[in-house]
């Protein structure tokens, strides 16, 4: 099953807003899974994921700011068993 999540051309401001919000949702998800009951390995894994997402977001901002006016975004979710 495929779900077309984002498809189109966006001005740089809108592109950055869309991607930033999606990345923040992923970051908040991993933050919410870290609890006092989590084992150390799980915490380290999630912290590494959060740091990678933050770095990716920094890189995306840099790319968009240097890319001109229009940004094409294609995002699809693939679900399978």
PDB file of N, CA and C in Angstrom:
ATOM      1  N   UNK A   1       0.848  -1.172   0.000  1.00  0.00           N
ATOM      2  CA  UNK A   1       0.000   0.000   0.000  1.00  0.00           C
ATOM      3  C   UNK A   1       0.891   1.231   0.000  1.00  0.00           C
ATOM      4  N   UNK A   2       0.575   2.196  -0.850  1.00  0.00           N
ATOM      5  CA  UNK A   2       1.329   3.437  -0.936  1.00  0.00           C
ATOM      6  C   UNK A   2       0.415   4.615  -0.638  1.00  0.00           C
ATOM      7  N   UNK A   3       0.939   5.569   0.104  1.00  0.00           N
ATOM      8  CA  UNK A   3       0.209   6.793   0.417  1.00  0.00           C
ATOM      9  C   UNK A   3       1.061   7.968  -0.028  1.00  0.00           C
ATOM     10  N   UNK A   4       0.531   8.781  -0.941  1.00  0.00           N
ATOM     11  CA  UNK A   4       1.242   9.977  -1.384  1.00  0.00           C
ATOM     12  C   UNK A   4       1.026  11.047  -0.321  1.00  0.00           C
ATOM     13  N   UNK A   5       2.063  11.349   0.440  1.00  0.00           N
ATOM     14  CA  UNK A   5       1.950  12.281   1.553  1.00  0.00           C
ATOM     15  C   UNK A   5       2.109  13.724   1.090  1.00  0.00           C
ATOM     16  N   UNK A   6       3.134  13.996   0.318  1.00  0.00           N
ATOM     17  CA  UNK A   6       3.388  15.342  -0.208  1.00  0.00           C
ATOM     18  C   UNK A   6       3.794  15.199  -1.665  1.00  0.00           C
ATOM     19  N   UNK A   7       3.261  16.078  -2.484  1.00  0.00           N
ATOM     20  CA  UNK A   7       3.644  16.069  -3.893  1.00  0.00           C
ATOM     21  C   UNK A   7       3.417  17.464  -4.446  1.00  0.00           C
ATOM     22  N   UNK A   8       4.496  18.099  -4.894  1.00  0.00           N
ATOM     23  CA  UNK A   8       4.312  19.389  -5.536  1.00  0.00           C
ATOM     24  C   UNK A   8       5.497  20.311  -5.412  1.00  0.00           C
ATOM     25  N   UNK A   9       5.326  21.486  -6.010  1.00  0.00           N
ATOM     26  CA  UNK A   9       6.326  22.539  -5.951  1.00  0.00           C
ATOM     27  C   UNK A   9       5.875  23.573  -4.928  1.00  0.00           C
ATOM     28  N   UNK A  10       6.809  24.000  -4.095  1.00  0.00           N
ATOM     29  CA  UNK A  10       6.500  24.935  -3.025  1.00  0.00           C
ATOM     30  C   UNK A  10       7.527  26.055  -3.029  1.00  0.00           C
ATOM     31  N   UNK A  11       7.091  27.253  -2.594  1.00  0.00           N
ATOM     32  CA  UNK A  11       8.098  28.288  -2.424  1.00  0.00           C
ATOM     33  C   UNK A  11       8.965  27.885  -1.236  1.00  0.00           C
ATOM     34  N   UNK A  12      10.129  28.467  -1.116  1.00  0.00           N
ATOM     35  CA  UNK A  12      11.089  28.011  -0.109  1.00  0.00           C
ATOM     36  C   UNK A  12      10.546  28.137   1.311  1.00  0.00           C
ATOM     37  N   UNK A  13       9.772  29.176   1.585  1.00  0.00           N
ATOM     38  CA  UNK A  13       9.207  29.353   2.929  1.00  0.00           C
ATOM     39  C   UNK A  13       8.252  28.213   3.271  1.00  0.00           C
ATOM     40  N   UNK A  14       7.332  27.905   2.350  1.00  0.00           N
ATOM     41  CA  UNK A  14       6.365  26.828   2.593  1.00  0.00           C
ATOM     42  C   UNK A  14       7.046  25.463   2.653  1.00  0.00           C
ATOM     43  N   UNK A  15       8.021  25.244   1.786  1.00  0.00           N
ATOM     44  CA  UNK A  15       8.748  23.969   1.793  1.00  0.00           C
ATOM     45  C   UNK A  15       9.435  23.757   3.133  1.00  0.00           C
ATOM     46  N   UNK A  16      10.084  24.801   3.628  1.00  0.00           N
ATOM     47  CA  UNK A  16      10.772  24.689   4.911  1.00  0.00           C
ATOM     48  C   UNK A  16       9.783  24.452   6.046  1.00  0.00           C
ATOM     49  N   UNK A  17       8.641  25.113   5.999  1.00  0.00           N
ATOM     50  CA  UNK A  17       7.633  24.934   7.042  1.00  0.00           C
ATOM     51  C   UNK A  17       7.084  23.508   7.043  1.00  0.00           C
ATOM     52  N   UNK A  18       6.757  22.988   5.874  1.00  0.00           N
ATOM     53  CA  UNK A  18       6.210  21.627   5.768  1.00  0.00           C
ATOM     54  C   UNK A  18       7.212  20.602   6.292  1.00  0.00           C
ATOM     55  N   UNK A  19       8.435  20.689   5.813  1.00  0.00           N
ATOM     56  CA  UNK A  19       9.447  19.707   6.211  1.00  0.00           C
ATOM     57  C   UNK A  19       9.798  19.854   7.685  1.00  0.00           C
ATOM     58  N   UNK A  20       9.917  21.082   8.167  1.00  0.00           N
ATOM     59  CA  UNK A  20      10.240  21.306   9.583  1.00  0.00           C
ATOM     60  C   UNK A  20       9.182  20.692  10.483  1.00  0.00           C
ATOM     61  N   UNK A  21       7.918  20.900  10.141  1.00  0.00           N
ATOM     62  CA  UNK A  21       6.853  20.347  10.975  1.00  0.00           C
ATOM     63  C   UNK A  21       6.868  18.822  10.964  1.00  0.00           C
ATOM     64  N   UNK A  22       7.123  18.227   9.813  1.00  0.00           N
ATOM     65  CA  UNK A  22       7.200  16.763   9.752  1.00  0.00           C
ATOM     66  C   UNK A  22       8.365  16.242  10.591  1.00  0.00           C
ATOM     67  N   UNK A  23       9.509  16.898  10.490  1.00  0.00           N
ATOM     68  CA  UNK A  23      10.681  16.465  11.253  1.00  0.00           C
ATOM     69  C   UNK A  23      10.438  16.628  12.751  1.00  0.00           C
ATOM     70  N   UNK A  24       9.768  17.722  13.142  1.00  0.00           N
ATOM     71  CA  UNK A  24       9.488  17.931  14.563  1.00  0.00           C
ATOM     72  C   UNK A  24       8.535  16.866  15.110  1.00  0.00           C
ATOM     73  N   UNK A  25       7.611  16.407  14.293  1.00  0.00           N
ATOM     74  CA  UNK A  25       6.718  15.322  14.721  1.00  0.00           C
ATOM     75  C   UNK A  25       7.538  14.064  15.003  1.00  0.00           C
ATOM     76  N   UNK A  26       8.493  13.750  14.121  1.00  0.00           N
ATOM     77  CA  UNK A  26       9.339  12.567  14.336  1.00  0.00           C
ATOM     78  C   UNK A  26      10.196  12.730  15.587  1.00  0.00           C
ATOM     79  N   UNK A  27      10.737  13.915  15.795  1.00  0.00           N
ATOM     80  CA  UNK A  27      11.561  14.168  16.981  1.00  0.00           C
ATOM     81  C   UNK A  27      10.719  14.016  18.243  1.00  0.00           C
ATOM     82  N   UNK A  28       9.537  14.619  18.253  1.00  0.00           N
ATOM     83  CA  UNK A  28       8.656  14.523  19.427  1.00  0.00           C
ATOM     84  C   UNK A  28       8.246  13.077  19.691  1.00  0.00           C
ATOM     85  N   UNK A  29       8.043  12.299  18.637  1.00  0.00           N
ATOM     86  CA  UNK A  29       7.696  10.887  18.804  1.00  0.00           C
ATOM     87  C   UNK A  29       8.800  10.165  19.577  1.00  0.00           C
ATOM     88  N   UNK A  30      10.041  10.353  19.153  1.00  0.00           N
ATOM     89  CA  UNK A  30      11.146   9.670  19.832  1.00  0.00           C
ATOM     90  C   UNK A  30      11.348  10.208  21.245  1.00  0.00           C
ATOM     91  N   UNK A  31      11.150  11.498  21.442  1.00  0.00           N
ATOM     92  CA  UNK A  31      11.251  12.059  22.794  1.00  0.00           C
ATOM     93  C   UNK A  31      10.192  11.460  23.706  1.00  0.00           C
ATOM     94  N   UNK A  32       8.987  11.257  23.178  1.00  0.00           N
ATOM     95  CA  UNK A  32       7.900  10.713  23.996  1.00  0.00           C
ATOM     96  C   UNK A  32       8.136   9.254  24.378  1.00  0.00           C
ATOM     97  N   UNK A  33       8.950   8.542  23.612  1.00  0.00           N
ATOM     98  CA  UNK A  33       9.225   7.134  23.893  1.00  0.00           C
ATOM     99  C   UNK A  33      10.338   6.950  24.929  1.00  0.00           C
ATOM    100  N   UNK A  34      11.039   8.033  25.247  1.00  0.00           N
ATOM    101  CA  UNK A  34      12.073   7.962  26.286  1.00  0.00           C
ATOM    102  C   UNK A  34      11.390   8.218  27.624  1.00  0.00           C
ATOM    103  N   UNK A  35      11.479   7.250  28.516  1.00  0.00           N
ATOM    104  CA  UNK A  35      10.869   7.404  29.839  1.00  0.00           C
ATOM    105  C   UNK A  35      11.801   6.830  30.895  1.00  0.00           C
ATOM    106  N   UNK A  36      11.401   7.004  32.128  1.00  0.00           N
ATOM    107  CA  UNK A  36      12.193   6.458  33.233  1.00  0.00           C
ATOM    108  C   UNK A  36      12.259   4.938  33.178  1.00  0.00           C
ATOM    109  N   UNK A  37      11.299   4.315  32.517  1.00  0.00           N
ATOM    110  CA  UNK A  37      11.251   2.858  32.422  1.00  0.00           C
ATOM    111  C   UNK A  37      12.065   2.313  31.254  1.00  0.00           C
ATOM    112  N   UNK A  38      12.569   3.202  30.397  1.00  0.00           N
ATOM    113  CA  UNK A  38      13.335   2.759  29.232  1.00  0.00           C
ATOM    114  C   UNK A  38      14.702   2.256  29.660  1.00  0.00           C
ATOM    115  N   UNK A  39      15.179   1.227  28.965  1.00  0.00           N
ATOM    116  CA  UNK A  39      16.525   0.753  29.271  1.00  0.00           C
ATOM    117  C   UNK A  39      17.543   1.666  28.587  1.00  0.00           C
ATOM    118  N   UNK A  40      18.780   1.581  29.037  1.00  0.00           N
ATOM    119  CA  UNK A  40      19.826   2.483  28.564  1.00  0.00           C
ATOM    120  C   UNK A  40      20.052   2.361  27.058  1.00  0.00           C
ATOM    121  N   UNK A  41      19.988   1.143  26.551  1.00  0.00           N
ATOM    122  CA  UNK A  41      20.197   0.916  25.119  1.00  0.00           C
ATOM    123  C   UNK A  41      19.119   1.614  24.285  1.00  0.00           C
ATOM    124  N   UNK A  42      17.863   1.498  24.724  1.00  0.00           N
ATOM    125  CA  UNK A  42      16.757   2.141  24.014  1.00  0.00           C
ATOM    126  C   UNK A  42      16.891   3.664  24.064  1.00  0.00           C
ATOM    127  N   UNK A  43      17.269   4.194  25.205  1.00  0.00           N
ATOM    128  CA  UNK A  43      17.447   5.641  25.350  1.00  0.00           C
ATOM    129  C   UNK A  43      18.542   6.136  24.414  1.00  0.00           C
ATOM    130  N   UNK A  44      19.674   5.441  24.381  1.00  0.00           N
ATOM    131  CA  UNK A  44      20.776   5.844  23.507  1.00  0.00           C
ATOM    132  C   UNK A  44      20.367   5.778  22.038  1.00  0.00           C
ATOM    133  N   UNK A  45      19.621   4.731  21.676  1.00  0.00           N
ATOM    134  CA  UNK A  45      19.140   4.594  20.303  1.00  0.00           C
ATOM    135  C   UNK A  45      18.255   5.778  19.920  1.00  0.00           C
ATOM    136  N   UNK A  46      17.309   6.112  20.783  1.00  0.00           N
ATOM    137  CA  UNK A  46      16.381   7.214  20.485  1.00  0.00           C
ATOM    138  C   UNK A  46      17.096   8.565  20.492  1.00  0.00           C
ATOM    139  N   UNK A  47      18.036   8.744  21.406  1.00  0.00           N
ATOM    140  CA  UNK A  47      18.803   9.993  21.425  1.00  0.00           C
ATOM    141  C   UNK A  47      19.616  10.150  20.144  1.00  0.00           C
ATOM    142  N   UNK A  48      20.173   9.059  19.648  1.00  0.00           N
ATOM    143  CA  UNK A  48      20.927   9.103  18.389  1.00  0.00           C
ATOM    144  C   UNK A  48      19.997   9.446  17.226  1.00  0.00           C
ATOM    145  N   UNK A  49      18.793   8.869  17.225  1.00  0.00           N
ATOM    146  CA  UNK A  49      17.817   9.183  16.174  1.00  0.00           C
ATOM    147  C   UNK A  49      17.443  10.663  16.213  1.00  0.00           C
ATOM    148  N   UNK A  50      17.224  11.188  17.411  1.00  0.00           N
ATOM    149  CA  UNK A  50      16.859  12.601  17.563  1.00  0.00           C
ATOM    150  C   UNK A  50      17.981  13.495  17.051  1.00  0.00           C
ATOM    151  N   UNK A  51      19.216  13.183  17.406  1.00  0.00           N
ATOM    152  CA  UNK A  51      20.358  13.982  16.939  1.00  0.00           C
ATOM    153  C   UNK A  51      20.487  13.930  15.423  1.00  0.00           C
ATOM    154  N   UNK A  52      20.261  12.754  14.837  1.00  0.00           N
ATOM    155  CA  UNK A  52      20.336  12.629  13.378  1.00  0.00           C
ATOM    156  C   UNK A  52      19.239  13.448  12.715  1.00  0.00           C
ATOM    157  N   UNK A  53      18.031  13.387  13.264  1.00  0.00           N
ATOM    158  CA  UNK A  53      16.921  14.165  12.711  1.00  0.00           C
ATOM    159  C   UNK A  53      17.195  15.666  12.810  1.00  0.00           C
ATOM    160  N   UNK A  54      17.771  16.095  13.937  1.00  0.00           N
ATOM    161  CA  UNK A  54      18.107  17.509  14.099  1.00  0.00           C
ATOM    162  C   UNK A  54      19.168  17.936  13.090  1.00  0.00           C
ATOM    163  N   UNK A  55      20.162  17.085  12.862  1.00  0.00           N
ATOM    164  CA  UNK A  55      21.196  17.401  11.875  1.00  0.00           C
ATOM    165  C   UNK A  55      20.592  17.427  10.478  1.00  0.00           C
ATOM    166  N   UNK A  56      19.738  16.449  10.173  1.00  0.00           N
ATOM    167  CA  UNK A  56      19.074  16.426   8.867  1.00  0.00           C
ATOM    168  C   UNK A  56      18.264  17.703   8.651  1.00  0.00           C
ATOM    169  N   UNK A  57      17.564  18.156   9.683  1.00  0.00           N
ATOM    170  CA  UNK A  57      16.765  19.369   9.568  1.00  0.00           C
ATOM    171  C   UNK A  57      17.659  20.580   9.321  1.00  0.00           C
ATOM    172  N   UNK A  58      18.794  20.646  10.001  1.00  0.00           N
ATOM    173  CA  UNK A  58      19.756  21.726   9.772  1.00  0.00           C
ATOM    174  C   UNK A  58      20.222  21.712   8.317  1.00  0.00           C
ATOM    175  N   UNK A  59      20.564  20.526   7.812  1.00  0.00           N
ATOM    176  CA  UNK A  59      21.024  20.393   6.426  1.00  0.00           C
ATOM    177  C   UNK A  59      19.923  20.767   5.429  1.00  0.00           C
ATOM    178  N   UNK A  60      18.691  20.381   5.732  1.00  0.00           N
ATOM    179  CA  UNK A  60      17.560  20.705   4.864  1.00  0.00           C
ATOM    180  C   UNK A  60      17.352  22.215   4.806  1.00  0.00           C
ATOM    181  N   UNK A  61      17.417  22.868   5.966  1.00  0.00           N
ATOM    182  CA  UNK A  61      17.270  24.334   5.995  1.00  0.00           C
ATOM    183  C   UNK A  61      18.328  24.996   5.126  1.00  0.00           C
ATOM    184  N   UNK A  62      19.560  24.532   5.255  1.00  0.00           N
ATOM    185  CA  UNK A  62      20.659  25.088   4.468  1.00  0.00           C
ATOM    186  C   UNK A  62      20.407  24.871   2.977  1.00  0.00           C
ATOM    187  N   UNK A  63      19.989  23.672   2.607  1.00  0.00           N
ATOM    188  CA  UNK A  63      19.714  23.352   1.204  1.00  0.00           C
ATOM    189  C   UNK A  63      18.611  24.251   0.643  1.00  0.00           C
ATOM    190  N   UNK A  64      17.513  24.373   1.382  1.00  0.00           N
ATOM    191  CA  UNK A  64      16.376  25.160   0.904  1.00  0.00           C
ATOM    192  C   UNK A  64      16.739  26.636   0.788  1.00  0.00           C
ATOM    193  N   UNK A  65      17.467  27.157   1.766  1.00  0.00           N
ATOM    194  CA  UNK A  65      17.836  28.571   1.733  1.00  0.00           C
ATOM    195  C   UNK A  65      18.763  28.897   0.567  1.00  0.00           C
ATOM    196  N   UNK A  66      19.489  27.917   0.076  1.00  0.00           N
ATOM    197  CA  UNK A  66      20.416  28.136  -1.033  1.00  0.00           C
ATOM    198  C   UNK A  66      19.887  27.626  -2.370  1.00  0.00           C
ATOM    199  N   UNK A  67      18.618  27.226  -2.429  1.00  0.00           N
ATOM    200  CA  UNK A  67      18.092  26.571  -3.630  1.00  0.00           C
ATOM    201  C   UNK A  67      17.278  27.456  -4.553  1.00  0.00           C
ATOM    202  N   UNK A  68      16.988  28.648  -4.163  1.00  0.00           N
ATOM    203  CA  UNK A  68      16.155  29.479  -5.021  1.00  0.00           C
ATOM    204  C   UNK A  68      14.719  29.501  -4.554  1.00  0.00           C
ATOM    205  N   UNK A  69      13.835  29.846  -5.477  1.00  0.00           N
ATOM    206  CA  UNK A  69      12.456  30.114  -5.090  1.00  0.00           C
ATOM    207  C   UNK A  69      11.577  28.883  -4.957  1.00  0.00           C
ATOM    208  N   UNK A  70      11.672  27.932  -5.872  1.00  0.00           N
ATOM    209  CA  UNK A  70      10.763  26.780  -5.867  1.00  0.00           C
ATOM    210  C   UNK A  70      11.496  25.502  -5.470  1.00  0.00           C
ATOM    211  N   UNK A  71      10.834  24.729  -4.621  1.00  0.00           N
ATOM    212  CA  UNK A  71      11.364  23.449  -4.159  1.00  0.00           C
ATOM    213  C   UNK A  71      10.327  22.380  -4.494  1.00  0.00           C
ATOM    214  N   UNK A  72      10.762  21.303  -5.133  1.00  0.00           N
ATOM    215  CA  UNK A  72       9.874  20.185  -5.429  1.00  0.00           C
ATOM    216  C   UNK A  72      10.011  19.164  -4.309  1.00  0.00           C
ATOM    217  N   UNK A  73       8.887  18.798  -3.720  1.00  0.00           N
ATOM    218  CA  UNK A  73       8.881  17.806  -2.641  1.00  0.00           C
ATOM    219  C   UNK A  73       8.007  16.636  -3.071  1.00  0.00           C
ATOM    220  N   UNK A  74       8.556  15.441  -2.963  1.00  0.00           N
ATOM    221  CA  UNK A  74       7.834  14.198  -3.221  1.00  0.00           C
ATOM    222  C   UNK A  74       8.019  13.319  -1.985  1.00  0.00           C
ATOM    223  N   UNK A  75       6.935  12.948  -1.346  1.00  0.00           N
ATOM    224  CA  UNK A  75       7.031  12.104  -0.158  1.00  0.00           C
ATOM    225  C   UNK A  75       5.921  11.063  -0.208  1.00  0.00           C
ATOM    226  N   UNK A  76       6.333   9.818  -0.138  1.00  0.00           N
ATOM    227  CA  UNK A  76       5.381   8.717  -0.211  1.00  0.00           C
ATOM    228  C   UNK A  76       5.689   7.732   0.909  1.00  0.00           C
ATOM    229  N   UNK A  77       4.653   7.189   1.490  1.00  0.00           N
ATOM    230  CA  UNK A  77       4.798   6.159   2.516  1.00  0.00           C
ATOM    231  C   UNK A  77       4.461   4.817   1.877  1.00  0.00           C
ATOM    232  N   UNK A  78       5.353   3.849   2.048  1.00  0.00           N
ATOM    233  CA  UNK A  78       5.134   2.493   1.535  1.00  0.00           C
ATOM    234  C   UNK A  78       4.863   1.583   2.728  1.00  0.00           C
ATOM    235  N   UNK A  79       3.725   0.926   2.734  1.00  0.00           N
ATOM    236  CA  UNK A  79       3.367  -0.018   3.792  1.00  0.00           C
ATOM    237  C   UNK A  79       3.351  -1.424   3.213  1.00  0.00           C
ATOM    238  N   UNK A  80       3.957  -2.351   3.940  1.00  0.00           N
ATOM    239  CA  UNK A  80       3.930  -3.742   3.494  1.00  0.00           C
ATOM    240  C   UNK A  80       4.001  -4.657   4.701  1.00  0.00           C
ATOM    241  N   UNK A  81       3.681  -5.913   4.477  1.00  0.00           N
ATOM    242  CA  UNK A  81       3.737  -6.915   5.548  1.00  0.00           C
ATOM    243  C   UNK A  81       5.065  -7.599   5.522  1.00  0.00           C
TER     244      UNK A  81
END
